[in-house]
Protein backbone atom coordinates (compact mmCIF):
# COMPACT_ATOMS: atom_id res chain seq x y z
CA MET A 1 -5.41 12.83 5.01
CA PHE A 2 -2.87 12.06 1.77
CA LEU A 3 -4.23 10.51 -1.26
CA ASP A 4 -2.76 7.23 -0.71
CA ILE A 5 -5.48 6.83 2.48
CA ALA A 6 -9.29 6.31 1.44
CA THR A 7 -12.07 4.46 3.33
CA ILE A 8 -14.67 2.92 1.01
CA LYS A 9 -17.94 0.80 1.94
CA LEU A 10 -18.01 -2.99 0.03
CA GLU A 11 -21.02 -5.01 -0.31
CA SER A 12 -21.60 -8.54 -2.24
CA GLY A 13 -24.54 -9.36 -4.01
CA LYS A 14 -27.65 -11.08 -2.46
CA GLY A 15 -28.28 -14.58 -3.12
CA GLY A 16 -31.08 -15.35 -5.55
CA ASP A 17 -34.34 -16.88 -4.17
CA GLY A 18 -35.46 -20.43 -5.35
CA CYS A 19 -38.18 -21.07 -6.99
CA VAL A 20 -41.48 -23.20 -6.24
CA SER A 21 -42.86 -24.81 -9.14
CA THR A 22 -44.47 -27.79 -10.34
CA ARG A 23 -43.82 -29.53 -13.91
CA ARG A 24 -46.52 -29.60 -16.09
CA GLU A 25 -47.08 -31.74 -18.98
CA LYS A 26 -49.97 -33.31 -20.65
CA TYR A 27 -52.00 -35.81 -18.55
CA MET A 28 -49.55 -34.77 -15.55
CA PRO A 29 -51.02 -31.33 -14.15
CA ARG A 30 -48.88 -31.95 -11.17
CA GLY A 31 -45.73 -34.29 -11.73
CA GLY A 32 -43.80 -33.20 -8.95
CA PRO A 33 -41.42 -30.14 -7.76
CA ASP A 34 -38.98 -28.97 -10.27
CA GLY A 35 -38.11 -25.26 -8.78
CA GLY A 36 -34.72 -24.79 -9.11
CA ASN A 37 -32.17 -22.58 -7.11
CA GLY A 38 -31.25 -19.11 -6.99
CA GLY A 39 -27.99 -17.92 -7.99
CA THR A 40 -24.80 -16.97 -6.00
CA GLY A 41 -24.59 -12.99 -5.51
CA GLY A 42 -21.43 -11.33 -7.19
CA SER A 43 -18.60 -11.25 -4.77
CA VAL A 44 -16.20 -8.30 -4.04
CA TRP A 45 -12.49 -8.91 -4.53
CA LEU A 46 -9.17 -6.81 -4.25
CA GLU A 47 -6.56 -7.17 -6.31
CA ALA A 48 -2.90 -5.11 -6.77
CA THR A 49 -1.48 -4.04 -10.24
CA ASP A 50 1.29 -2.16 -10.50
CA GLU A 51 0.10 -0.01 -13.32
CA MET A 52 -1.68 2.36 -10.47
CA SER A 53 0.56 4.60 -7.97
CA THR A 54 -2.10 5.96 -5.88
CA LEU A 55 -5.38 5.28 -4.04
CA LEU A 56 -6.78 8.77 -5.85
CA ASP A 57 -9.73 7.10 -7.63
CA PHE A 58 -11.20 5.81 -4.51
CA ARG A 59 -11.85 9.42 -2.95
CA TYR A 60 -14.39 10.13 -5.33
CA ARG A 61 -16.17 7.22 -5.39
CA ARG A 62 -16.74 5.69 -1.66
CA HIS A 63 -19.50 3.02 -2.22
CA TYR A 64 -19.00 -0.36 -4.53
CA LYS A 65 -21.77 -2.89 -5.24
CA ALA A 66 -21.69 -6.71 -6.51
CA ALA A 67 -24.80 -7.63 -8.55
CA PRO A 68 -27.50 -10.10 -6.43
CA GLY A 69 -28.06 -13.38 -7.95
CA LYS A 70 -31.13 -14.33 -9.91
CA ALA A 71 -33.71 -16.01 -8.97
CA GLY A 72 -34.44 -19.71 -10.01
CA GLY A 73 -36.91 -21.11 -12.46
CA GLY A 74 -39.11 -23.75 -13.28
CA ASN A 75 -37.52 -27.26 -14.99
CA ARG A 76 -34.95 -27.29 -12.23
CA ARG A 77 -32.96 -24.36 -14.11
CA SER A 78 -30.65 -22.29 -11.57
CA GLY A 79 -30.94 -18.43 -11.37
CA PRO A 80 -27.79 -16.96 -12.99
CA ASP A 81 -24.51 -15.78 -10.29
CA GLY A 82 -24.66 -11.79 -9.73
CA GLN A 83 -21.43 -10.72 -11.54
CA ASP A 84 -18.51 -9.91 -9.05
CA VAL A 85 -16.83 -6.33 -8.62
CA THR A 86 -12.98 -6.40 -8.91
CA LEU A 87 -11.43 -3.27 -6.90
CA LEU A 88 -7.51 -2.96 -8.91
CA VAL A 89 -5.27 -1.03 -6.22
CA PRO A 90 -1.61 -0.12 -6.33
CA CYS A 91 1.02 -3.01 -4.95
CA GLY A 92 1.58 -2.11 -1.48
CA THR A 93 -2.14 -1.44 -0.45
CA ALA A 94 -2.84 -2.82 3.22
CA PHE A 95 -6.73 -3.23 3.88
CA TYR A 96 -7.74 -2.67 7.53
CA ASP A 97 -11.45 -3.77 8.80
CA GLU A 98 -12.36 0.20 10.03
CA ALA A 99 -14.89 -1.69 12.67
CA ASP A 100 -12.09 -3.42 14.65
CA ASP A 101 -8.96 -1.78 12.66
CA ASN A 102 -7.65 -5.32 11.73
CA LEU A 103 -5.52 -5.85 9.32
CA LEU A 104 -7.58 -8.17 6.52
CA VAL A 105 -4.63 -8.34 3.64
CA ASP A 106 -1.53 -6.53 2.58
CA LEU A 107 -1.70 -6.43 -1.39
CA LEU A 108 2.22 -7.04 -2.21
CA GLU A 109 2.71 -8.49 -5.70
CA HIS A 110 0.96 -7.38 -9.32
CA GLY A 111 -2.19 -9.59 -10.31
CA GLN A 112 -2.22 -11.03 -5.60
CA ARG A 113 -6.16 -11.36 -5.55
CA TYR A 114 -7.94 -11.45 -2.07
CA LEU A 115 -11.73 -12.06 -1.46
CA VAL A 116 -13.01 -9.50 0.92
CA ALA A 117 -16.90 -9.37 0.53
CA PRO A 118 -17.86 -13.02 -0.61
CA GLY A 119 -21.77 -13.12 -2.46
CA GLY A 120 -25.10 -14.28 -0.51
CA ARG A 121 -25.45 -18.20 -0.81
CA GLY A 122 -28.36 -18.75 -3.53
CA GLY A 123 -31.59 -20.46 -2.24
CA LYS A 124 -32.59 -23.86 -2.55
CA GLY A 125 -35.69 -24.51 -4.80
CA ASN A 126 -38.75 -26.62 -4.40
CA TRP A 127 -36.67 -29.47 -5.91
CA GLU A 128 -34.56 -29.89 -3.02
CA PHE A 129 -36.75 -30.18 -0.43
CA ARG A 130 -38.69 -33.45 -1.67
CA ASN A 131 -39.13 -36.76 0.32
CA ALA A 132 -40.72 -39.66 0.75
CA ARG A 133 -43.20 -37.99 2.87
CA ASN A 134 -43.53 -34.89 1.04
CA GLN A 135 -43.24 -35.39 -2.29
CA THR A 136 -44.89 -31.82 -3.92
CA PRO A 137 -43.12 -29.51 -1.60
CA MET A 138 -44.55 -26.06 -1.89
CA HIS A 139 -41.90 -23.89 -0.49
CA ALA A 140 -38.56 -22.63 -1.30
CA GLN A 141 -35.54 -21.12 0.16
CA SER A 142 -34.98 -17.19 0.33
CA GLY A 143 -31.16 -16.64 -0.84
CA ARG A 144 -28.77 -15.30 1.75
CA PRO A 145 -27.61 -11.76 2.35
CA GLY A 146 -24.43 -10.31 1.10
CA ARG A 147 -21.62 -9.16 3.31
CA GLN A 148 -21.16 -5.30 4.11
CA ILE A 149 -17.83 -4.47 4.86
CA THR A 150 -16.08 -1.16 5.65
CA VAL A 151 -12.46 -0.72 4.82
CA ARG A 152 -9.87 1.55 5.11
CA LEU A 153 -7.09 1.37 2.34
CA GLU A 154 -3.52 2.65 3.04
CA LEU A 155 -0.55 2.49 0.43
CA LYS A 156 2.70 2.01 1.71
CA LEU A 157 5.40 3.22 -1.09
CA ILE A 158 7.61 0.26 -2.06
CA ALA A 159 10.90 1.62 -2.74
CA ASP A 160 13.82 -0.03 -2.62
CA ILE A 161 15.79 3.30 -0.60
CA GLY A 162 14.48 5.90 1.77
CA LEU A 163 15.50 9.57 1.81
CA VAL A 164 15.05 10.69 5.76
CA GLY A 165 15.79 13.81 7.19
CA GLU A 166 14.69 17.18 9.36
CA PRO A 167 12.60 19.39 7.10
CA ASN A 168 15.02 21.21 4.58
CA ALA A 169 17.41 19.43 4.79
CA GLY A 170 17.77 18.58 1.33
CA LYS A 171 15.90 15.74 0.15
CA SER A 172 13.25 16.67 -2.55
CA THR A 173 16.58 18.66 -4.44
CA LEU A 174 18.52 15.46 -4.40
CA LEU A 175 15.78 13.44 -5.81
CA SER A 176 15.29 15.78 -8.72
CA VAL A 177 18.72 15.44 -9.23
CA VAL A 178 19.35 11.99 -9.42
CA THR A 179 15.99 10.88 -10.92
CA ALA A 180 13.81 12.25 -13.13
CA ALA A 181 11.35 13.01 -10.49
CA ARG A 182 10.14 16.77 -10.33
CA PRO A 183 8.95 17.10 -6.67
CA LYS A 184 8.28 20.50 -5.04
CA VAL A 185 11.37 22.14 -3.96
CA ALA A 186 11.94 25.74 -2.06
CA ASP A 187 13.52 27.12 0.69
CA TYR A 188 11.05 26.38 3.45
CA PRO A 189 10.33 23.76 6.02
CA PHE A 190 7.75 20.95 4.71
CA THR A 191 7.61 21.97 1.09
CA THR A 192 6.71 18.15 1.20
CA LEU A 193 3.57 17.08 2.47
CA VAL A 194 3.36 13.87 0.53
CA PRO A 195 5.94 11.14 -0.44
CA ASN A 196 7.87 11.53 -4.10
CA LEU A 197 9.27 8.16 -5.82
CA GLY A 198 12.03 8.56 -8.51
CA ILE A 199 13.96 5.93 -10.26
CA VAL A 200 17.95 6.30 -10.38
CA ASP A 201 20.04 4.94 -13.36
CA LEU A 202 22.77 2.96 -11.20
CA GLY A 203 24.53 1.78 -14.32
CA ASP A 204 25.29 -1.79 -15.77
CA PHE A 205 21.23 -2.25 -16.53
CA ASN A 206 20.93 -1.64 -12.33
CA SER A 207 18.36 0.47 -11.29
CA CYS A 208 16.58 1.42 -7.90
CA THR A 209 13.44 3.38 -6.62
CA LEU A 210 14.43 6.39 -4.27
CA ALA A 211 11.56 7.39 -1.97
CA ASP A 212 11.69 11.12 -0.61
CA ILE A 213 9.85 10.72 2.68
CA PRO A 214 8.46 13.78 4.26
CA GLY A 215 10.82 15.69 6.87
CA LEU A 216 10.62 13.98 9.98
CA ILE A 217 10.46 16.00 13.59
CA GLU A 218 11.02 15.02 16.84
CA GLY A 219 8.00 12.66 18.00
CA ALA A 220 6.94 11.90 14.73
CA ALA A 221 6.55 8.60 16.03
CA GLU A 222 3.86 9.97 18.28
CA GLY A 223 2.30 11.71 15.68
CA LYS A 224 3.92 14.93 15.39
CA GLY A 225 3.98 16.73 12.65
CA LEU A 226 2.06 14.15 11.00
CA GLY A 227 4.76 11.80 11.53
CA HIS A 228 2.60 8.33 11.49
CA GLU A 229 1.55 9.17 8.65
CA PHE A 230 5.60 9.73 7.01
CA LEU A 231 7.01 6.76 8.88
CA ARG A 232 4.56 4.57 7.38
CA HIS A 233 6.25 4.88 3.95
CA VAL A 234 9.62 3.75 4.81
CA GLU A 235 8.37 0.50 6.09
CA ARG A 236 9.20 -1.66 3.08
CA THR A 237 12.34 0.18 2.05
CA ARG A 238 15.42 -2.06 1.74
CA ALA A 239 17.74 0.64 3.27
CA LEU A 240 17.98 4.20 4.48
CA LEU A 241 19.96 7.47 3.54
CA LEU A 242 19.91 9.47 6.42
CA LEU A 243 20.23 13.39 5.36
CA VAL A 244 21.31 15.82 7.75
CA ASP A 245 21.93 19.80 6.83
CA PRO A 246 25.91 20.76 8.55
CA SER A 247 24.82 24.38 8.71
CA LEU A 248 22.67 23.10 11.48
CA GLU A 249 24.29 23.80 14.97
CA ALA A 250 24.28 20.18 16.02
CA PRO A 251 24.32 18.18 12.95
CA ARG A 252 24.75 14.75 15.44
CA ARG A 253 21.39 16.15 17.25
CA ALA A 254 19.67 16.06 14.44
CA LEU A 255 20.71 12.72 13.62
CA ASP A 256 19.85 11.24 16.99
CA VAL A 257 16.43 12.45 16.32
CA LEU A 258 16.18 10.49 13.08
CA ARG A 259 16.96 7.40 14.58
CA VAL A 260 15.02 7.55 17.48
CA GLU A 261 11.97 8.17 15.66
CA LEU A 262 12.48 5.51 13.50
CA LYS A 263 13.33 2.97 16.26
CA ARG A 264 10.24 4.15 17.77
CA HIS A 265 8.15 4.00 14.74
CA GLY A 266 9.01 -0.09 14.61
CA GLN A 267 12.06 -2.45 15.24
CA ARG A 268 12.34 -3.27 11.11
CA LEU A 269 13.22 0.42 10.76
CA ALA A 270 15.85 -0.19 13.20
CA GLU A 271 17.52 -2.89 11.89
CA LEU A 272 17.64 -1.69 8.14
CA PRO A 273 21.03 -0.57 6.53
CA PHE A 274 21.93 2.76 6.18
CA ALA A 275 24.10 5.60 5.10
CA VAL A 276 24.39 9.30 5.98
CA LEU A 277 24.57 12.12 3.39
CA VAL A 278 26.24 15.46 4.79
CA THR A 279 24.03 17.85 2.16
CA LYS A 280 24.63 21.33 1.09
CA GLN A 281 28.23 21.38 0.98
CA ASP A 282 28.53 24.21 -1.57
CA LEU A 283 27.15 26.71 1.47
CA LEU A 284 30.23 25.69 3.66
CA ASP A 285 33.72 27.24 3.49
CA GLU A 286 36.44 24.52 3.33
CA THR A 287 36.58 24.84 7.32
CA GLY A 288 33.37 24.48 8.67
CA ALA A 289 32.11 21.63 5.82
CA ALA A 290 35.60 19.57 7.55
CA GLU A 291 34.42 20.52 11.28
CA ALA A 292 31.11 19.16 10.09
CA LEU A 293 32.09 16.64 8.22
CA ALA A 294 34.32 15.08 11.04
CA MET A 295 31.36 15.36 13.67
CA VAL A 296 28.94 13.26 11.71
CA ARG A 297 31.34 10.29 10.44
CA GLN A 298 32.22 10.12 14.25
CA TRP A 299 28.36 10.30 15.03
CA GLY A 300 28.10 7.04 12.07
CA GLN A 301 30.75 5.23 13.57
CA ASP A 302 28.77 4.99 16.77
CA HIS A 303 25.80 4.18 15.10
CA GLY A 304 26.96 1.62 12.08
CA ALA A 305 26.24 3.83 9.26
CA LEU A 306 27.55 2.24 6.36
CA GLU A 307 28.95 4.96 5.22
CA VAL A 308 29.26 9.01 5.54
CA LEU A 309 29.32 10.73 2.26
CA PRO A 310 29.12 14.61 1.60
CA ILE A 311 27.45 15.90 -1.53
CA SER A 312 25.83 19.21 -2.78
CA SER A 313 22.73 18.49 -5.35
CA ALA A 314 23.71 22.21 -6.68
CA THR A 315 27.00 21.52 -7.80
CA GLY A 316 27.04 17.95 -8.27
CA GLN A 317 29.91 17.13 -5.81
CA GLY A 318 29.90 13.51 -4.85
CA LEU A 319 26.66 12.64 -6.60
CA GLY A 320 29.25 10.39 -8.43
CA ASP A 321 30.24 8.31 -5.13
CA LEU A 322 26.28 8.72 -4.47
CA LYS A 323 25.44 6.13 -7.41
CA LYS A 324 28.18 3.62 -6.17
CA LEU A 325 26.59 3.83 -2.25
CA LEU A 326 22.84 3.32 -3.88
CA LEU A 327 23.98 0.43 -5.79
CA ARG A 328 26.02 -0.80 -2.53
CA LEU A 329 22.56 -0.66 -0.45
CA TYR A 330 20.57 -1.92 -3.22
CA ARG A 331 22.61 -5.17 -3.15
CA ILE A 332 22.17 -5.76 0.64
CA ASN A 333 19.22 -6.92 0.47
CA SER A 334 18.83 -8.12 -3.03
CA PRO A 335 21.25 -11.31 -3.45
CA GLU A 336 19.93 -11.72 -6.52
CA ASN A 337 21.42 -8.48 -8.13
CA VAL A 338 24.74 -9.46 -7.29
CA ASP A 339 27.05 -10.39 -10.10
């Protein structure tokens, strides 16, 4: 379970009870009904904000309850409504009903709101029940109960471009070099257990958000290696960068695995524009680097890659060309950014 998933219980407020009252004035001890209505119970709202980036707060508090409405009073006074509860969540949070696993809402934009649990309606006072046959009713209506619902929150990171590759392909190192992000970097697989975000300055007042997605292995679309948790985070990216380690015995095989798992997870991922980065050029001799690059370029032509670029995060090789490639990928699905 990662910090970007949480399950919480929400409860709206009960409506206030209606009031039974009769008007009492001098010489008019029973002047007729004047009981007011109860107030509406508080509702639970969800609101997206760009000032949050994780669901960490919801792992420490799991129950949220709005205030009930107050009872009505005499002289036809309505009871005050209960105070609403508004839960702020990061943009990109999806809410699922735990009872049937149905998607309730996907909050994508800052300020977007959703009423997840409306408050109970207030009960009617005896004033509302008067009629020609019963001019002094002595009964009122109870307030309606609030709604209780358990929801699962899933934060799907909204990044412009996603870095995808097998474990230890060099994604975290690259992110740390081209952005100010500081993900954990080590020489063993699965160093990254949660996605990391960084912003790349592309020059001329352009920038894009880059997401380092934890390593994918064969069978990820079926959940192996927590594949569902990982693939979920590339669903909203505009483009993908597939990273491959050329020191592998079969880099084409590694790329085939990545493409298959992306396709199996969803059609949208299979249709995203992508390029291939051949990493760790500093670890190969000239002959080995050339052979691996030729092999990957042939694979890229066969599968529709926009470009195949050799890079080295350690020496800086190809990073200038990488920024040009990132700008190209960023603009593919952003026509408003084209000069």
